[in-house]
N, C-alpha and C. Protein backbone atom coordinates (compact mmCIF):
# COMPACT_ATOMS: atom_id res chain seq x y z
N MET A 1 -17.99 2.86 -2.81
CA MET A 1 -17.57 4.25 -2.85
C MET A 1 -18.32 4.99 -3.95
N THR A 2 -18.63 6.21 -3.68
CA THR A 2 -19.23 7.04 -4.71
C THR A 2 -18.13 7.55 -5.64
N VAL A 3 -18.53 8.10 -6.77
CA VAL A 3 -17.57 8.67 -7.70
C VAL A 3 -16.79 9.79 -7.01
N LYS A 4 -17.45 10.58 -6.20
CA LYS A 4 -16.80 11.67 -5.47
C LYS A 4 -15.74 11.11 -4.51
N GLU A 5 -16.06 10.02 -3.81
CA GLU A 5 -15.11 9.40 -2.89
C GLU A 5 -13.93 8.78 -3.63
N ILE A 6 -14.20 8.18 -4.76
CA ILE A 6 -13.12 7.59 -5.58
C ILE A 6 -12.18 8.69 -6.07
N ASN A 7 -12.74 9.78 -6.57
CA ASN A 7 -11.92 10.89 -7.04
C ASN A 7 -11.10 11.49 -5.91
N PHE A 8 -11.72 11.63 -4.73
CA PHE A 8 -11.01 12.17 -3.57
C PHE A 8 -9.85 11.25 -3.19
N ALA A 9 -10.10 9.94 -3.14
CA ALA A 9 -9.05 8.97 -2.80
C ALA A 9 -7.92 9.06 -3.81
N PHE A 10 -8.25 9.16 -5.09
CA PHE A 10 -7.22 9.26 -6.13
C PHE A 10 -6.36 10.49 -5.91
N GLU A 11 -6.99 11.63 -5.68
CA GLU A 11 -6.26 12.88 -5.47
C GLU A 11 -5.39 12.81 -4.21
N MET A 12 -5.93 12.26 -3.13
CA MET A 12 -5.18 12.18 -1.87
C MET A 12 -3.95 11.28 -2.02
N ILE A 13 -4.15 10.09 -2.58
CA ILE A 13 -3.03 9.15 -2.70
C ILE A 13 -2.00 9.67 -3.69
N ALA A 14 -2.42 10.28 -4.78
CA ALA A 14 -1.47 10.86 -5.73
C ALA A 14 -0.63 11.95 -5.06
N ALA A 15 -1.26 12.77 -4.23
CA ALA A 15 -0.53 13.83 -3.52
C ALA A 15 0.43 13.25 -2.49
N ILE A 16 -0.01 12.22 -1.77
CA ILE A 16 0.86 11.57 -0.78
C ILE A 16 2.06 10.94 -1.48
N ALA A 17 1.82 10.28 -2.60
CA ALA A 17 2.91 9.64 -3.35
C ALA A 17 3.92 10.68 -3.82
N ALA A 18 3.44 11.83 -4.28
CA ALA A 18 4.34 12.89 -4.74
C ALA A 18 5.17 13.45 -3.58
N ALA A 19 4.55 13.52 -2.40
CA ALA A 19 5.25 14.07 -1.23
C ALA A 19 6.17 13.05 -0.57
N CYS A 20 5.93 11.77 -0.80
CA CYS A 20 6.69 10.69 -0.13
C CYS A 20 7.21 9.69 -1.16
N PRO A 21 8.12 10.11 -2.03
CA PRO A 21 8.56 9.22 -3.10
C PRO A 21 9.29 7.97 -2.64
N GLU A 22 9.83 7.98 -1.42
CA GLU A 22 10.50 6.78 -0.91
C GLU A 22 9.52 5.73 -0.45
N GLY A 23 8.28 6.13 -0.26
CA GLY A 23 7.24 5.19 0.14
C GLY A 23 6.40 5.70 1.29
N TYR A 24 5.25 5.10 1.44
CA TYR A 24 4.31 5.50 2.48
C TYR A 24 3.34 4.35 2.76
N THR A 25 2.72 4.39 3.91
CA THR A 25 1.60 3.52 4.26
C THR A 25 0.63 4.40 5.02
N VAL A 26 -0.59 4.55 4.49
CA VAL A 26 -1.58 5.41 5.12
C VAL A 26 -2.89 4.68 5.33
N ASP A 27 -3.58 5.07 6.38
CA ASP A 27 -4.91 4.57 6.70
C ASP A 27 -5.86 4.88 5.55
N ARG A 28 -6.67 3.93 5.19
CA ARG A 28 -7.57 4.09 4.05
C ARG A 28 -8.68 5.10 4.28
N LYS A 29 -9.03 5.38 5.52
CA LYS A 29 -10.13 6.30 5.80
C LYS A 29 -9.65 7.72 6.09
N LYS A 30 -8.57 7.84 6.84
CA LYS A 30 -8.09 9.16 7.25
C LYS A 30 -6.92 9.66 6.41
N PHE A 31 -6.32 8.77 5.61
CA PHE A 31 -5.15 9.10 4.79
C PHE A 31 -4.00 9.62 5.66
N GLU A 32 -3.91 9.11 6.87
CA GLU A 32 -2.83 9.48 7.78
C GLU A 32 -1.82 8.35 7.87
N PRO A 33 -0.54 8.68 8.08
CA PRO A 33 0.50 7.65 8.14
C PRO A 33 0.25 6.63 9.25
N ILE A 34 0.54 5.38 8.95
CA ILE A 34 0.52 4.31 9.95
C ILE A 34 1.98 4.11 10.34
N LYS A 35 2.28 4.24 11.62
CA LYS A 35 3.67 4.28 12.06
C LYS A 35 4.13 3.07 12.85
N SER A 36 3.26 2.09 13.03
CA SER A 36 3.68 0.89 13.75
C SER A 36 3.03 -0.33 13.14
N GLY A 37 3.62 -1.48 13.43
CA GLY A 37 3.15 -2.74 12.87
C GLY A 37 3.97 -3.11 11.64
N TYR A 38 3.46 -4.08 10.92
CA TYR A 38 4.13 -4.59 9.72
C TYR A 38 3.18 -4.45 8.53
N ALA A 39 3.65 -3.84 7.47
CA ALA A 39 2.86 -3.62 6.27
C ALA A 39 3.20 -4.67 5.22
N VAL A 40 2.15 -5.27 4.67
CA VAL A 40 2.33 -6.29 3.64
C VAL A 40 1.36 -6.00 2.49
N ALA A 41 1.88 -5.90 1.28
CA ALA A 41 1.05 -5.66 0.11
C ALA A 41 0.21 -6.89 -0.20
N VAL A 42 -0.96 -6.63 -0.77
CA VAL A 42 -1.88 -7.69 -1.18
C VAL A 42 -1.57 -8.09 -2.62
N GLU A 43 -1.53 -9.37 -2.87
CA GLU A 43 -1.19 -9.88 -4.21
C GLU A 43 -2.08 -9.30 -5.31
N GLY A 44 -3.34 -9.08 -5.01
CA GLY A 44 -4.28 -8.59 -6.02
C GLY A 44 -3.97 -7.21 -6.58
N THR A 45 -3.03 -6.51 -5.95
CA THR A 45 -2.66 -5.18 -6.46
C THR A 45 -1.19 -5.10 -6.88
N GLN A 46 -0.54 -6.23 -7.02
CA GLN A 46 0.84 -6.22 -7.51
C GLN A 46 0.90 -5.64 -8.91
N GLU A 47 2.05 -5.05 -9.22
CA GLU A 47 2.30 -4.46 -10.54
C GLU A 47 1.32 -3.33 -10.87
N SER A 48 0.89 -2.60 -9.84
CA SER A 48 0.01 -1.46 -10.04
C SER A 48 0.86 -0.19 -9.99
N PHE A 49 1.13 0.37 -11.15
CA PHE A 49 1.98 1.56 -11.19
C PHE A 49 1.34 2.63 -12.07
N GLY A 50 1.72 3.86 -11.79
CA GLY A 50 1.17 4.99 -12.54
C GLY A 50 -0.30 5.22 -12.21
N ASN A 51 -0.91 6.13 -12.94
CA ASN A 51 -2.32 6.48 -12.70
C ASN A 51 -3.26 5.29 -12.87
N LYS A 52 -2.98 4.47 -13.86
CA LYS A 52 -3.81 3.28 -14.10
C LYS A 52 -3.71 2.32 -12.90
N GLY A 53 -2.50 2.16 -12.38
CA GLY A 53 -2.30 1.30 -11.22
C GLY A 53 -2.99 1.84 -9.99
N LEU A 54 -2.91 3.15 -9.78
CA LEU A 54 -3.59 3.75 -8.64
C LEU A 54 -5.10 3.55 -8.75
N ALA A 55 -5.66 3.73 -9.93
CA ALA A 55 -7.09 3.51 -10.13
C ALA A 55 -7.45 2.06 -9.80
N HIS A 56 -6.60 1.12 -10.20
CA HIS A 56 -6.84 -0.30 -9.91
C HIS A 56 -6.85 -0.55 -8.40
N VAL A 57 -5.89 0.04 -7.69
CA VAL A 57 -5.80 -0.15 -6.24
C VAL A 57 -7.04 0.42 -5.55
N ILE A 58 -7.48 1.59 -5.97
CA ILE A 58 -8.67 2.20 -5.37
C ILE A 58 -9.90 1.32 -5.61
N LYS A 59 -10.04 0.79 -6.81
CA LYS A 59 -11.15 -0.12 -7.11
C LYS A 59 -11.06 -1.38 -6.24
N TYR A 60 -9.86 -1.93 -6.12
CA TYR A 60 -9.65 -3.12 -5.28
C TYR A 60 -10.05 -2.82 -3.84
N MET A 61 -9.60 -1.67 -3.33
CA MET A 61 -9.91 -1.30 -1.95
C MET A 61 -11.42 -1.14 -1.76
N ASP A 62 -12.09 -0.59 -2.75
CA ASP A 62 -13.55 -0.44 -2.68
C ASP A 62 -14.23 -1.79 -2.56
N GLN A 63 -13.69 -2.79 -3.23
CA GLN A 63 -14.27 -4.13 -3.22
C GLN A 63 -13.81 -4.98 -2.03
N HIS A 64 -12.81 -4.50 -1.30
CA HIS A 64 -12.24 -5.23 -0.16
C HIS A 64 -12.13 -4.32 1.06
N PRO A 65 -13.23 -4.07 1.72
CA PRO A 65 -13.21 -3.14 2.86
C PRO A 65 -12.37 -3.62 4.04
N GLU A 66 -11.97 -4.88 4.04
CA GLU A 66 -11.14 -5.41 5.13
C GLU A 66 -9.68 -4.95 5.03
N VAL A 67 -9.29 -4.43 3.88
CA VAL A 67 -7.91 -3.96 3.69
C VAL A 67 -7.82 -2.55 4.29
N PRO A 68 -6.95 -2.37 5.31
CA PRO A 68 -6.96 -1.12 6.06
C PRO A 68 -6.10 0.03 5.53
N ALA A 69 -5.22 -0.24 4.54
CA ALA A 69 -4.27 0.81 4.20
C ALA A 69 -3.89 0.83 2.72
N PHE A 70 -3.50 2.03 2.29
CA PHE A 70 -2.87 2.23 0.99
C PHE A 70 -1.37 2.26 1.22
N GLY A 71 -0.63 1.69 0.30
CA GLY A 71 0.82 1.77 0.38
C GLY A 71 1.39 2.09 -0.98
N GLY A 72 2.60 2.57 -1.00
CA GLY A 72 3.24 2.87 -2.27
C GLY A 72 4.71 3.15 -2.10
N TRP A 73 5.43 3.02 -3.19
CA TRP A 73 6.87 3.27 -3.16
C TRP A 73 7.38 3.45 -4.58
N TYR A 74 8.45 4.20 -4.68
CA TYR A 74 9.10 4.45 -5.97
C TYR A 74 10.18 3.41 -6.18
N ARG A 75 10.08 2.72 -7.28
CA ARG A 75 11.08 1.70 -7.62
C ARG A 75 12.12 2.32 -8.54
N LYS A 76 13.30 2.54 -8.00
CA LYS A 76 14.35 3.26 -8.71
C LYS A 76 14.81 2.55 -9.98
N ASP A 77 14.87 1.23 -9.95
CA ASP A 77 15.39 0.52 -11.12
C ASP A 77 14.47 0.61 -12.33
N THR A 78 13.16 0.72 -12.10
CA THR A 78 12.22 0.84 -13.23
C THR A 78 11.72 2.27 -13.40
N LYS A 79 12.03 3.14 -12.42
CA LYS A 79 11.60 4.53 -12.42
C LYS A 79 10.08 4.67 -12.48
N GLU A 80 9.41 3.79 -11.72
CA GLU A 80 7.95 3.83 -11.67
C GLU A 80 7.50 3.83 -10.20
N PHE A 81 6.37 4.48 -9.96
CA PHE A 81 5.79 4.48 -8.62
C PHE A 81 4.75 3.38 -8.56
N TYR A 82 4.90 2.51 -7.58
CA TYR A 82 3.99 1.39 -7.39
C TYR A 82 2.99 1.69 -6.29
N PHE A 83 1.77 1.28 -6.48
CA PHE A 83 0.70 1.45 -5.50
C PHE A 83 0.22 0.07 -5.06
N ASP A 84 -0.14 -0.04 -3.79
CA ASP A 84 -0.60 -1.32 -3.25
C ASP A 84 -1.75 -1.13 -2.28
N ALA A 85 -2.63 -2.12 -2.23
CA ALA A 85 -3.55 -2.30 -1.10
C ALA A 85 -2.71 -3.02 -0.06
N THR A 86 -2.76 -2.57 1.19
CA THR A 86 -1.82 -3.04 2.19
C THR A 86 -2.50 -3.50 3.47
N MET A 87 -2.11 -4.68 3.92
CA MET A 87 -2.58 -5.20 5.20
C MET A 87 -1.57 -4.80 6.27
N ILE A 88 -2.06 -4.61 7.50
CA ILE A 88 -1.21 -4.23 8.62
C ILE A 88 -1.33 -5.32 9.69
N PHE A 89 -0.19 -5.75 10.20
CA PHE A 89 -0.14 -6.78 11.23
C PHE A 89 0.68 -6.29 12.41
N GLU A 90 0.25 -6.64 13.60
CA GLU A 90 1.03 -6.33 14.81
C GLU A 90 2.09 -7.40 15.04
N ASP A 91 1.77 -8.63 14.65
CA ASP A 91 2.65 -9.78 14.87
C ASP A 91 3.49 -10.03 13.61
N GLU A 92 4.81 -10.06 13.77
CA GLU A 92 5.68 -10.23 12.60
C GLU A 92 5.51 -11.60 11.95
N SER A 93 5.28 -12.63 12.71
CA SER A 93 5.13 -13.96 12.11
C SER A 93 3.88 -14.01 11.23
N GLU A 94 2.81 -13.32 11.63
CA GLU A 94 1.60 -13.25 10.80
C GLU A 94 1.88 -12.45 9.53
N ALA A 95 2.64 -11.37 9.67
CA ALA A 95 3.00 -10.57 8.50
C ALA A 95 3.81 -11.39 7.51
N ARG A 96 4.78 -12.12 8.02
CA ARG A 96 5.63 -12.95 7.15
C ARG A 96 4.80 -14.02 6.43
N GLU A 97 3.90 -14.67 7.17
CA GLU A 97 3.05 -15.71 6.57
C GLU A 97 2.17 -15.10 5.47
N PHE A 98 1.58 -13.94 5.74
CA PHE A 98 0.74 -13.27 4.74
C PHE A 98 1.57 -12.87 3.52
N ALA A 99 2.80 -12.40 3.76
CA ALA A 99 3.68 -12.03 2.66
C ALA A 99 3.99 -13.23 1.77
N ILE A 100 4.24 -14.36 2.37
CA ILE A 100 4.52 -15.58 1.61
C ILE A 100 3.29 -15.98 0.79
N LEU A 101 2.12 -15.98 1.44
CA LEU A 101 0.88 -16.36 0.75
C LEU A 101 0.55 -15.41 -0.40
N ASN A 102 0.96 -14.15 -0.28
CA ASN A 102 0.66 -13.15 -1.30
C ASN A 102 1.82 -12.90 -2.25
N LYS A 103 2.80 -13.81 -2.22
CA LYS A 103 3.93 -13.80 -3.16
C LYS A 103 4.69 -12.48 -3.15
N GLN A 104 4.93 -11.95 -1.95
CA GLN A 104 5.69 -10.72 -1.80
C GLN A 104 7.17 -11.05 -1.60
N LEU A 105 8.02 -10.15 -2.03
CA LEU A 105 9.46 -10.32 -1.85
C LEU A 105 9.91 -9.81 -0.49
N GLU A 106 9.13 -8.88 0.08
CA GLU A 106 9.46 -8.31 1.37
C GLU A 106 8.23 -7.69 2.00
N TYR A 107 8.34 -7.34 3.26
CA TYR A 107 7.31 -6.60 3.98
C TYR A 107 8.04 -5.56 4.81
N CYS A 108 7.28 -4.60 5.34
CA CYS A 108 7.92 -3.46 5.99
C CYS A 108 7.57 -3.36 7.47
N ASN A 109 8.59 -3.15 8.28
CA ASN A 109 8.41 -2.83 9.70
C ASN A 109 8.15 -1.32 9.74
N LEU A 110 6.93 -0.93 10.05
CA LEU A 110 6.57 0.49 10.01
C LEU A 110 7.19 1.29 11.16
N THR A 111 7.56 0.62 12.22
CA THR A 111 8.18 1.31 13.35
C THR A 111 9.60 1.76 13.00
N THR A 112 10.35 0.87 12.35
CA THR A 112 11.75 1.17 12.02
C THR A 112 11.95 1.63 10.58
N GLY A 113 10.97 1.37 9.71
CA GLY A 113 11.11 1.68 8.30
C GLY A 113 11.89 0.64 7.53
N GLU A 114 12.29 -0.43 8.20
CA GLU A 114 13.08 -1.49 7.57
C GLU A 114 12.21 -2.38 6.69
N CYS A 115 12.69 -2.68 5.49
CA CYS A 115 12.06 -3.67 4.63
C CYS A 115 12.71 -5.02 4.92
N ILE A 116 11.90 -6.02 5.13
CA ILE A 116 12.39 -7.34 5.55
C ILE A 116 12.14 -8.34 4.43
N PRO A 117 13.19 -8.95 3.89
CA PRO A 117 13.01 -9.96 2.83
C PRO A 117 12.25 -11.16 3.35
N VAL A 118 11.45 -11.74 2.47
CA VAL A 118 10.67 -12.94 2.84
C VAL A 118 11.56 -14.15 2.72
């Protein structure tokens, strides 16, 4: 990514996070919501919160073009917004397996909005 593309991604994701404090999953290229499948955060972007965390996620995404989505959510107990590089799966068993391998506590059914414990 060029510096211009990185800055654009930062601005877009920051705006989406502000507009969707309960959480979001968006396509990495179009920044449009992904509304079906199962979203699972990638371990390499765990504990990415605030502006520094968002910058880390964007850098990670730049280095991992296979990751199709940005995700994020506001964690009420810590009062911090978390950002993630997010994989999308059509098959729930694949999503669950990926979640286990990536040490996630849950993954999200994008069709229903339900978070599913691992």
